[in-house]
Amino acid sequence: MFNSIKNHFYKKRLKDKRFNFLFDKPSNDEYICFDCETTGLDPLIDDIISIGAVIIKNNTIIASKKFIRYVKPKSNQLKENSIKIHHLRKCDLENACNIDDVILEFLYFIGNRKIVGYFLDFDLKMINKYLKPIIGINLPNKKYEVSEIYHDFKIDLIPQSFVDLRFKSILNELNLPNFGTHDSYNDALMTALIFIKLKNSASVKIN
């Protein structure tokens, strides 16, 4: 009910009616899993430098449809600490895309699908930072945080236990491959594998 009311007001505030498709009823078996690499961890001052995303359909990752874009940061600054994490230098982004163009491409890629991510709230804040000035609203799509799903999954198995929510720990616990973190596409792919495995566990209910 709350989402319906929120989306009603979102739709009224939408600046560009080309994006009315965001409010269409999503398919029950399709999801978008995405990840952002950024210049830092403050959405107010930091910039996106890459976005990676995959489509999940019928418990399968659609390998032929993926989204990988590198973005030239608006501030044109890359912090030393962030370079050590994602290994993207200023010279690597000289010919990268403009964020406003990438955001609109990403919007068409997402469509009305439900969104999946790890540390999703941060990634959405980064996306919405650029999206809202263009179309007037934040992403209205339904969202799933895999660390929350995993936490509930583990607590159901072992009540009152400590649950390690670190990304690598979740991969290890679920016996999933690690392709190397802090690459937006690899992170999106691994998060999608986590989601699919949890979604197909008998104790997990995904609405």
Protein backbone atom coordinates (compact mmCIF):
# COMPACT_ATOMS: atom_id res chain seq x y z
CA MET A 1 0.00 0.00 0.00
CA PHE A 2 2.78 2.44 0.98
CA ASN A 3 4.65 1.81 -2.30
CA SER A 4 1.48 2.42 -4.29
CA ILE A 5 0.89 5.78 -2.57
CA LYS A 6 4.57 6.77 -2.96
CA ASN A 7 4.58 5.87 -6.66
CA HIS A 8 1.36 7.82 -7.21
CA PHE A 9 3.11 11.00 -6.05
CA TYR A 10 6.34 10.07 -7.86
CA LYS A 11 4.46 9.74 -11.11
CA LYS A 12 2.94 13.20 -10.66
CA ARG A 13 6.39 14.70 -10.12
CA LEU A 14 7.96 12.94 -13.12
CA LYS A 15 9.34 15.67 -15.41
CA ASP A 16 9.59 13.57 -18.57
CA LYS A 17 6.62 11.38 -19.52
CA ARG A 18 8.87 9.20 -21.69
CA PHE A 19 9.74 7.47 -18.44
CA ASN A 20 6.19 6.52 -17.45
CA PHE A 21 7.27 2.92 -18.10
CA LEU A 22 9.01 2.99 -14.71
CA PHE A 23 5.56 2.70 -13.12
CA ASP A 24 4.34 -0.25 -15.19
CA LYS A 25 3.71 -3.43 -13.22
CA PRO A 26 7.01 -5.37 -13.15
CA SER A 27 7.34 -8.96 -14.28
CA ASN A 28 7.47 -11.42 -11.39
CA ASP A 29 10.52 -13.23 -12.80
CA GLU A 30 12.82 -10.36 -13.84
CA TYR A 31 15.29 -8.39 -11.77
CA ILE A 32 18.18 -6.00 -12.34
CA CYS A 33 21.28 -6.43 -10.21
CA PHE A 34 23.69 -3.50 -10.29
CA ASP A 35 26.74 -2.02 -8.61
CA CYS A 36 28.57 1.32 -8.76
CA GLU A 37 32.23 2.15 -8.26
CA THR A 38 32.76 5.68 -6.98
CA THR A 39 35.42 8.22 -6.07
CA GLY A 40 34.50 7.83 -2.39
CA LEU A 41 31.75 7.01 0.06
CA ASP A 42 29.98 10.36 0.39
CA PRO A 43 27.10 10.74 -2.11
CA LEU A 44 27.08 14.50 -1.54
CA ILE A 45 30.59 15.10 -2.86
CA ASP A 46 31.73 11.90 -4.59
CA ASP A 47 31.09 10.76 -8.15
CA ILE A 48 30.24 7.53 -9.95
CA ILE A 49 33.08 6.23 -12.13
CA SER A 50 31.54 2.96 -13.29
CA ILE A 51 28.20 1.13 -13.33
CA GLY A 52 27.78 -2.58 -13.95
CA ALA A 53 24.47 -4.41 -14.17
CA VAL A 54 22.98 -7.75 -15.18
CA ILE A 55 19.45 -8.99 -15.83
CA ILE A 56 18.06 -11.98 -13.92
CA LYS A 57 15.20 -13.82 -15.60
CA ASN A 58 13.68 -17.11 -14.42
CA ASN A 59 16.59 -17.69 -12.01
CA THR A 60 19.10 -17.22 -14.82
CA ILE A 61 21.57 -14.42 -15.45
CA ILE A 62 21.11 -13.28 -19.06
CA ALA A 63 24.74 -13.16 -20.18
CA SER A 64 23.89 -11.58 -23.54
CA LYS A 65 22.39 -8.53 -21.82
CA LYS A 66 24.71 -6.66 -19.54
CA PHE A 67 25.41 -3.02 -18.75
CA ILE A 68 28.99 -1.81 -18.30
CA ARG A 69 29.81 1.89 -18.46
CA TYR A 70 32.78 3.91 -17.29
CA VAL A 71 32.14 7.50 -16.29
CA LYS A 72 34.39 10.54 -16.22
CA PRO A 73 33.91 12.04 -12.73
CA LYS A 74 32.42 15.52 -12.73
CA SER A 75 34.93 16.68 -10.15
CA ASN A 76 37.72 15.25 -12.32
CA GLN A 77 39.35 14.13 -9.08
CA LEU A 78 40.25 10.59 -8.04
CA LYS A 79 41.32 9.98 -4.47
CA GLU A 80 44.36 7.84 -3.80
CA ASN A 81 42.44 5.61 -1.39
CA SER A 82 39.67 4.92 -3.92
CA ILE A 83 42.20 4.12 -6.69
CA LYS A 84 43.71 1.44 -4.43
CA ILE A 85 40.26 -0.16 -4.18
CA HIS A 86 38.90 -0.07 -7.75
CA HIS A 87 42.21 0.41 -9.65
CA LEU A 88 40.71 3.03 -11.96
CA ARG A 89 43.06 5.96 -12.59
CA LYS A 90 42.43 9.34 -14.18
CA CYS A 91 44.07 8.16 -17.40
CA ASP A 92 41.72 5.15 -17.51
CA LEU A 93 38.71 7.49 -17.57
CA GLU A 94 39.93 10.12 -20.04
CA ASN A 95 37.58 8.82 -22.75
CA ALA A 96 34.83 7.67 -20.40
CA CYS A 97 31.20 8.73 -20.79
CA ASN A 98 29.31 11.69 -19.37
CA ILE A 99 27.29 10.72 -16.29
CA ASP A 100 24.06 12.36 -17.52
CA ASP A 101 24.15 10.23 -20.69
CA VAL A 102 24.98 7.08 -18.75
CA ILE A 103 22.17 7.64 -16.22
CA LEU A 104 19.56 7.83 -18.99
CA GLU A 105 20.99 4.73 -20.71
CA PHE A 106 20.86 2.96 -17.37
CA LEU A 107 17.26 4.00 -16.85
CA TYR A 108 16.21 2.40 -20.13
CA PHE A 109 18.22 -0.73 -19.24
CA ILE A 110 16.50 -1.04 -15.85
CA GLY A 111 13.00 -0.36 -17.13
CA ASN A 112 10.35 -1.31 -14.59
CA ARG A 113 12.28 -4.32 -13.28
CA LYS A 114 12.84 -4.92 -9.59
CA ILE A 115 16.30 -3.92 -8.34
CA VAL A 116 18.77 -6.08 -6.42
CA GLY A 117 22.04 -5.04 -4.81
CA TYR A 118 24.55 -5.30 -1.98
CA PHE A 119 25.01 -2.07 0.00
CA LEU A 120 22.16 -1.02 -2.26
CA ASP A 121 21.16 2.09 -0.33
CA PHE A 122 24.51 3.73 -1.11
CA ASP A 123 24.42 2.83 -4.80
CA LEU A 124 20.87 4.17 -5.09
CA LYS A 125 21.86 7.44 -3.41
CA MET A 126 24.61 7.81 -6.00
CA ILE A 127 22.26 7.04 -8.91
CA ASN A 128 19.50 9.31 -7.59
CA LYS A 129 21.98 12.15 -7.10
CA TYR A 130 22.19 12.44 -10.90
CA LEU A 131 18.78 11.08 -11.83
CA LYS A 132 16.51 13.33 -9.78
CA PRO A 133 17.66 16.63 -11.38
CA ILE A 134 16.96 15.13 -14.82
CA ILE A 135 13.56 13.45 -14.35
CA GLY A 136 12.38 14.96 -11.06
CA ILE A 137 12.19 11.76 -8.98
CA ASN A 138 14.28 8.99 -7.46
CA LEU A 139 14.12 5.48 -8.89
CA PRO A 140 10.65 4.15 -7.98
CA ASN A 141 11.46 0.46 -8.65
CA LYS A 142 10.97 -2.15 -5.94
CA LYS A 143 14.26 -2.97 -4.23
CA TYR A 144 15.93 -5.98 -2.57
CA GLU A 145 19.04 -5.81 -0.38
CA VAL A 146 20.84 -9.19 -0.49
CA SER A 147 22.56 -8.72 2.87
CA GLU A 148 19.14 -8.36 4.55
CA ILE A 149 17.84 -11.47 2.77
CA TYR A 150 20.98 -13.37 3.76
CA HIS A 151 20.70 -12.20 7.38
CA ASP A 152 17.13 -13.46 7.65
CA PHE A 153 18.15 -16.71 5.95
CA LYS A 154 20.94 -17.34 8.49
CA ILE A 155 18.88 -16.30 11.52
CA ASP A 156 16.17 -18.73 10.46
CA LEU A 157 18.77 -21.53 10.43
CA ILE A 158 20.60 -20.51 13.62
CA PRO A 159 18.53 -18.12 15.79
CA GLN A 160 20.46 -15.60 17.93
CA SER A 161 23.70 -16.26 16.05
CA PHE A 162 26.13 -13.61 14.79
CA VAL A 163 25.75 -13.16 11.03
CA ASP A 164 28.81 -12.05 9.07
CA LEU A 165 27.44 -9.78 6.35
CA ARG A 166 30.72 -9.06 4.58
CA PHE A 167 30.46 -9.70 0.85
CA LYS A 168 33.27 -12.25 0.67
CA SER A 169 31.91 -14.07 3.72
CA ILE A 170 28.48 -14.40 2.11
CA LEU A 171 30.04 -15.79 -1.08
CA ASN A 172 32.10 -18.30 0.92
CA GLU A 173 29.16 -19.39 3.07
CA LEU A 174 26.99 -19.99 -0.01
CA ASN A 175 29.83 -21.74 -1.90
CA LEU A 176 29.75 -19.20 -4.71
CA PRO A 177 32.73 -18.14 -6.86
CA ASN A 178 34.62 -14.92 -6.22
CA PHE A 179 35.50 -13.19 -9.49
CA GLY A 180 37.32 -10.32 -7.78
CA THR A 181 35.54 -7.50 -5.99
CA HIS A 182 35.47 -3.73 -6.58
CA ASP A 183 34.76 -4.11 -10.25
CA SER A 184 31.20 -2.93 -10.87
CA TYR A 185 30.27 -5.67 -13.34
CA ASN A 186 31.88 -8.49 -11.34
CA ASP A 187 30.21 -7.23 -8.16
CA ALA A 188 26.82 -7.09 -9.91
CA LEU A 189 27.33 -10.61 -11.26
CA MET A 190 28.30 -12.09 -7.89
CA THR A 191 25.45 -10.27 -6.14
CA ALA A 192 23.07 -11.75 -8.71
CA LEU A 193 24.40 -15.25 -7.92
CA ILE A 194 23.84 -14.62 -4.19
CA PHE A 195 20.30 -13.45 -4.85
CA ILE A 196 19.43 -16.44 -7.05
CA LYS A 197 20.79 -18.94 -4.52
CA LEU A 198 18.92 -17.32 -1.63
CA LYS A 199 15.76 -16.91 -3.65
CA ASN A 200 15.70 -20.64 -4.31
CA SER A 201 16.21 -21.61 -0.67
CA ALA A 202 13.09 -23.14 0.87
CA SER A 203 13.12 -20.79 3.88
CA VAL A 204 13.42 -17.57 1.82
CA LYS A 205 10.33 -15.77 0.57
CA ILE A 206 10.81 -13.06 -2.05
CA ASN A 207 7.70 -10.96 -2.65
